Protein backbone atom coordinates (compact mmCIF):
# COMPACT_ATOMS: atom_id res chain seq x y z
CA UNK A 1 0.24 0.36 -0.16
CA UNK A 2 0.70 3.88 -0.92
CA UNK A 3 -1.35 5.37 1.29
CA UNK A 4 0.29 6.84 4.56
CA UNK A 5 -3.05 6.09 6.76
CA UNK A 6 -1.26 8.22 9.61
CA UNK A 7 -1.27 11.55 7.26
CA UNK A 8 -4.49 10.67 6.14
CA UNK A 9 -6.09 10.32 10.03
CA UNK A 10 -4.15 13.55 10.79
CA UNK A 11 -6.00 15.45 7.33
CA UNK A 12 -9.72 14.08 8.87
CA UNK A 13 -8.95 15.78 12.29
CA UNK A 14 -8.36 19.09 10.95
CA UNK A 15 -10.50 19.18 7.84
CA UNK A 16 -7.93 19.10 5.42
CA UNK A 17 -7.50 17.00 1.91
CA UNK A 18 -4.48 15.87 0.76
CA UNK A 19 -4.39 16.62 -3.03
CA UNK A 20 -2.00 16.02 -6.52
CA UNK A 21 -3.55 18.66 -8.30
CA UNK A 22 -7.44 20.01 -9.64
CA UNK A 23 -7.28 20.77 -13.49
CA UNK A 24 -9.59 21.32 -16.69
CA UNK A 25 -9.51 18.80 -18.98
CA UNK A 26 -11.71 16.50 -21.46
CA UNK A 27 -13.19 13.14 -19.92
CA UNK A 28 -11.26 10.23 -21.54
CA UNK A 29 -12.28 7.36 -19.88
CA UNK A 30 -15.60 5.56 -19.64
CA UNK A 31 -18.78 6.15 -21.70
CA UNK A 32 -18.17 10.09 -20.40
CA UNK A 33 -15.63 10.19 -23.07
CA UNK A 34 -14.72 13.70 -24.34
CA UNK A 35 -17.11 15.84 -21.89
CA UNK A 36 -15.35 18.77 -20.21
CA UNK A 37 -14.31 17.98 -16.56
CA UNK A 38 -12.99 19.55 -13.92
CA UNK A 39 -10.46 17.28 -12.11
CA UNK A 40 -9.49 17.15 -8.81
CA UNK A 41 -6.48 14.50 -8.08
CA UNK A 42 -6.09 13.05 -4.32
CA UNK A 43 -2.69 12.31 -2.90
CA UNK A 44 -2.59 7.98 -1.69
CA UNK A 45 -4.02 5.15 -3.48
CA UNK A 46 -4.11 1.43 -1.19
CA UNK A 47 -2.92 0.27 -4.63
CA UNK A 48 0.28 0.52 -6.82
CA UNK A 49 -0.80 -1.33 -10.21
CA UNK A 50 1.50 -2.10 -13.06
CA UNK A 51 0.57 0.69 -15.09
CA UNK A 52 -0.20 3.01 -13.23
CA UNK A 53 0.18 6.58 -15.45
CA UNK A 54 -0.45 9.02 -12.05
CA UNK A 55 2.74 7.92 -9.44
CA UNK A 56 2.71 11.30 -8.26
CA UNK A 57 -0.16 9.66 -6.08
CA UNK A 58 2.13 7.56 -4.48
CA UNK A 59 4.97 9.90 -2.56
CA UNK A 60 4.82 12.10 0.81
CA UNK A 61 3.66 15.70 -1.59
CA UNK A 62 3.96 19.21 0.35
CA UNK A 63 2.40 20.99 -1.95
CA UNK A 64 -0.06 20.38 -4.68
CA UNK A 65 -0.60 21.91 -7.93
CA UNK A 66 -3.72 24.11 -9.31
CA UNK A 67 -4.51 25.15 -12.39
CA UNK A 68 -5.37 28.65 -12.92
CA UNK A 69 -6.98 29.27 -16.55
CA UNK A 70 -9.09 26.30 -17.35
CA UNK A 71 -7.00 24.03 -20.05
CA UNK A 72 -3.73 26.21 -19.97
CA UNK A 73 -2.10 24.06 -17.20
CA UNK A 74 -0.67 27.36 -15.62
CA UNK A 75 -0.20 25.73 -12.63
CA UNK A 76 0.47 27.73 -9.31
CA UNK A 77 1.88 25.83 -6.05
CA UNK A 78 -0.48 25.43 -2.82
CA UNK A 79 0.75 23.59 0.39
CA UNK A 80 -0.24 20.09 1.55
CA UNK A 81 -3.30 19.65 3.30
CA UNK A 82 -5.18 21.84 1.88
CA UNK A 83 -8.18 23.05 3.81
CA UNK A 84 -11.80 22.21 3.05
CA UNK A 85 -13.49 24.96 2.83
CA UNK A 86 -10.74 26.61 1.09
CA UNK A 87 -10.83 23.71 -1.28
CA UNK A 88 -14.47 24.15 -1.46
CA UNK A 89 -14.13 27.60 -2.81
CA UNK A 90 -11.72 26.79 -5.33
CA UNK A 91 -13.72 23.90 -7.09
CA UNK A 92 -16.71 26.49 -6.51
CA UNK A 93 -14.51 29.20 -8.54
CA UNK A 94 -13.91 27.03 -11.36
CA UNK A 95 -17.28 25.56 -11.95
CA UNK A 96 -18.54 29.62 -11.70
CA UNK A 97 -15.93 30.35 -14.41
CA UNK A 98 -16.42 31.45 -18.16
CA UNK A 99 -15.29 27.53 -18.74
CA UNK A 100 -18.94 24.70 -18.18
CA UNK A 101 -18.12 21.41 -16.62
CA UNK A 102 -20.26 18.81 -16.85
CA UNK A 103 -19.04 16.93 -13.87
CA UNK A 104 -16.13 17.07 -11.27
CA UNK A 105 -14.26 13.91 -10.81
CA UNK A 106 -12.78 13.20 -7.89
CA UNK A 107 -9.78 10.60 -9.06
CA UNK A 108 -6.71 10.14 -7.86
CA UNK A 109 -4.82 7.96 -6.23
CA UNK A 110 -7.95 6.90 -4.02
CA UNK A 111 -10.33 9.22 -3.35
CA UNK A 112 -12.17 7.33 -1.20
CA UNK A 113 -9.20 7.44 0.96
CA UNK A 114 -10.77 10.90 1.74
CA UNK A 115 -14.75 10.48 2.12
CA UNK A 116 -14.65 13.60 4.16
CA UNK A 117 -13.80 15.59 1.77
CA UNK A 118 -16.20 13.94 -1.16
CA UNK A 119 -18.84 14.76 1.58
CA UNK A 120 -17.91 18.49 2.03
CA UNK A 121 -17.91 19.47 -1.60
CA UNK A 122 -21.07 17.42 -3.18
CA UNK A 123 -23.75 20.08 -2.58
CA UNK A 124 -20.99 22.97 -3.64
CA UNK A 125 -20.44 20.91 -7.05
CA UNK A 126 -24.06 20.13 -7.63
CA UNK A 127 -25.62 23.43 -6.58
CA UNK A 128 -23.72 24.91 -9.41
CA UNK A 129 -25.01 22.29 -11.97
CA UNK A 130 -22.24 19.52 -11.90
CA UNK A 131 -22.10 16.01 -11.67
CA UNK A 132 -20.26 14.63 -8.81
CA UNK A 133 -18.25 11.40 -10.65
CA UNK A 134 -16.03 9.09 -8.81
CA UNK A 135 -13.52 7.97 -10.00
CA UNK A 136 -12.93 4.40 -7.98
CA UNK A 137 -10.32 0.87 -7.71
CA UNK A 138 -13.49 0.09 -5.34
CA UNK A 139 -12.07 -2.02 -3.15
CA UNK A 140 -13.20 0.63 -0.28
CA UNK A 141 -16.46 -0.78 -0.04
CA UNK A 142 -17.62 0.54 3.58
CA UNK A 143 -16.62 4.36 2.45
CA UNK A 144 -18.17 3.88 -0.90
CA UNK A 145 -21.42 3.59 1.63
CA UNK A 146 -20.49 6.62 3.91
CA UNK A 147 -20.48 8.62 0.17
CA UNK A 148 -23.51 6.75 -1.42
CA UNK A 149 -25.81 9.80 -1.68
CA UNK A 150 -23.27 12.00 -2.31
CA UNK A 151 -22.38 10.16 -6.08
CA UNK A 152 -23.92 11.08 -9.17
CA UNK A 153 -22.07 8.64 -11.25
CA UNK A 154 -20.18 5.95 -10.40
CA UNK A 155 -16.78 5.17 -12.43
CA UNK A 156 -15.87 1.87 -10.35
CA UNK A 157 -12.63 -0.13 -11.53
CA UNK A 158 -12.74 -4.12 -11.60
CA UNK A 159 -8.86 -4.63 -11.31
CA UNK A 160 -7.80 -7.56 -12.92
CA UNK A 161 -5.01 -9.48 -11.51
CA UNK A 162 -2.88 -10.17 -14.83
CA UNK A 163 -2.97 -6.07 -15.24
CA UNK A 164 -2.37 -5.20 -11.62
CA UNK A 165 -0.19 -7.28 -10.57
CA UNK A 166 -1.71 -7.55 -6.85
CA UNK A 167 -4.68 -9.60 -5.90
CA UNK A 168 -8.51 -9.33 -6.70
CA UNK A 169 -10.56 -8.14 -3.79
CA UNK A 170 -13.89 -9.33 -5.59
CA UNK A 171 -16.28 -8.91 -3.09
CA UNK A 172 -15.50 -5.37 -2.22
CA UNK A 173 -15.77 -4.81 -6.12
CA UNK A 174 -19.26 -6.87 -5.21
CA UNK A 175 -20.47 -4.77 -2.52
CA UNK A 176 -19.79 -1.61 -4.47
CA UNK A 177 -21.49 -2.73 -7.38
CA UNK A 178 -24.35 -4.17 -5.48
CA UNK A 179 -25.27 -0.97 -4.01
CA UNK A 180 -24.60 1.67 -6.21
CA UNK A 181 -27.95 -0.17 -8.07
CA UNK A 182 -30.28 3.48 -8.79
CA UNK A 183 -26.97 5.83 -9.35
CA UNK A 184 -25.85 5.93 -13.17
CA UNK A 185 -22.14 4.26 -13.50
CA UNK A 186 -19.83 1.73 -15.39
CA UNK A 187 -17.05 -0.50 -14.38
CA UNK A 188 -14.23 -0.43 -16.41
CA UNK A 189 -11.52 -3.57 -16.77
CA UNK A 190 -7.66 -2.27 -17.57
CA UNK A 191 -6.32 -5.52 -19.47
CA UNK A 192 -3.05 -6.12 -19.96
CA UNK A 193 -2.33 -8.51 -23.25
CA UNK A 194 -1.46 -10.62 -20.65
CA UNK A 195 -4.72 -11.04 -19.65
CA UNK A 196 -6.95 -14.09 -20.21
CA UNK A 197 -10.15 -14.64 -20.91
CA UNK A 198 -11.30 -16.08 -17.49
CA UNK A 199 -10.66 -12.61 -15.66
CA UNK A 200 -12.07 -10.77 -18.33
CA UNK A 201 -15.24 -13.21 -17.51
CA UNK A 202 -14.96 -12.78 -13.96
CA UNK A 203 -16.16 -9.09 -14.66
CA UNK A 204 -18.23 -9.74 -17.33
CA UNK A 205 -20.42 -12.39 -15.03
CA UNK A 206 -20.70 -9.57 -11.90
CA UNK A 207 -21.69 -6.67 -14.30
CA UNK A 208 -24.30 -9.21 -15.11
CA UNK A 209 -25.67 -10.12 -12.27
CA UNK A 210 -25.62 -7.12 -9.89
CA UNK A 211 -26.32 -4.23 -12.44
CA UNK A 212 -27.34 -5.57 -16.08
CA UNK A 213 -28.05 -2.28 -16.64
CA UNK A 214 -24.85 -0.46 -17.18
CA UNK A 215 -22.17 -0.88 -19.77
CA UNK A 216 -18.22 -2.97 -18.91
CA UNK A 217 -15.97 -0.98 -20.17
CA UNK A 218 -12.86 -2.78 -21.71
CA UNK A 219 -9.78 -0.55 -21.63
CA UNK A 220 -6.65 -1.74 -23.34
CA UNK A 221 -3.86 -0.68 -20.60
CA UNK A 222 -1.67 2.45 -21.87
CA UNK A 223 2.39 1.58 -22.02
CA UNK A 224 3.62 4.14 -19.77
CA UNK A 225 7.05 4.25 -17.66
CA UNK A 226 7.95 0.35 -17.57
CA UNK A 227 4.78 -0.93 -18.25
CA UNK A 228 4.55 -2.82 -22.00
CA UNK A 229 2.29 -5.33 -22.20
CA UNK A 230 -0.79 -3.14 -23.93
CA UNK A 231 -3.47 -6.05 -26.11
CA UNK A 232 -2.99 -5.91 -29.56
CA UNK A 233 -6.15 -4.85 -31.13
CA UNK A 234 -6.75 -8.34 -32.37
CA UNK A 235 -6.94 -9.13 -28.47
CA UNK A 236 -9.24 -6.04 -27.72
CA UNK A 237 -11.57 -7.83 -30.18
CA UNK A 238 -11.53 -10.92 -28.51
CA UNK A 239 -11.74 -9.97 -25.45
CA UNK A 240 -14.64 -7.89 -26.46
CA UNK A 241 -15.94 -10.94 -27.99
CA UNK A 242 -15.28 -13.17 -25.01
CA UNK A 243 -17.02 -10.48 -22.67
CA UNK A 244 -20.27 -9.98 -24.98
CA UNK A 245 -20.98 -13.62 -24.58
CA UNK A 246 -21.77 -12.74 -20.94
CA UNK A 247 -22.95 -8.80 -20.59
CA UNK A 248 -25.29 -7.52 -23.03
CA UNK A 249 -23.35 -4.00 -22.79
CA UNK A 250 -19.20 -4.06 -23.46
CA UNK A 251 -17.61 -1.32 -24.63
CA UNK A 252 -13.98 -1.21 -26.42
CA UNK A 253 -12.42 2.36 -24.70
CA UNK A 254 -9.10 2.87 -24.70
CA UNK A 255 -7.62 6.43 -22.96
CA UNK A 256 -8.47 8.72 -25.19
CA UNK A 257 -6.99 11.49 -22.72
CA UNK A 258 -3.54 9.93 -23.75
CA UNK A 259 -4.39 9.64 -27.59
CA UNK A 260 -4.99 13.76 -28.11
CA UNK A 261 -2.11 14.48 -25.62
CA UNK A 262 -4.43 15.89 -22.38
CA UNK A 263 -3.30 15.40 -18.78
């Protein structure tokens, strides 16, 4: 694990948030690809996936980056942790600016390691007409239940051991999937070239059983740093075909923000 639980406990007691960055960009993953979102990226994660493309979330940052102009990448640095009240003002200011954001995407890292921040910010996000979108590795089911009523869109990963290099926490995945009924949601499974159909079928069966109304997104792992086990185009098609035999809505969507040069 890369989460510093003592530091997180101090942040919760103080009413602060440990962050990596806030910026405006095109959503590049899942069915809402192409929308303009405000990304609030949290520090700390309970996993260290082999394909992770946000290494900054795994190190103890004394400062975080705030984009001053939407989409311009003109960052200023602010001390970590950030008081939640100040963070709320920052998010409200971004949502009140000239660029309209469809959603605020709480991402990471793992946002459910800081559920008090989600609960504090969600009402202000909704009051500005934006959706609250949670991107999660779906391992922290108790934390999800504590914020469930704050979430408009759930983007949950179904972690595959062949791609992450870590054990699958299927029980927590299933608990969150079941608890998400009534919420707009999708399940995203990042898969590698070495991923076998059995792993993908386990995810497809769970979605078909617990949330047959939502899509399963198969996301080909993107090469990054030392990770090079990306699936071939033929493998992507074969994986989708296998999953479609189990679940009715299976979509193969790569990381569009990487292809378009977004963050």
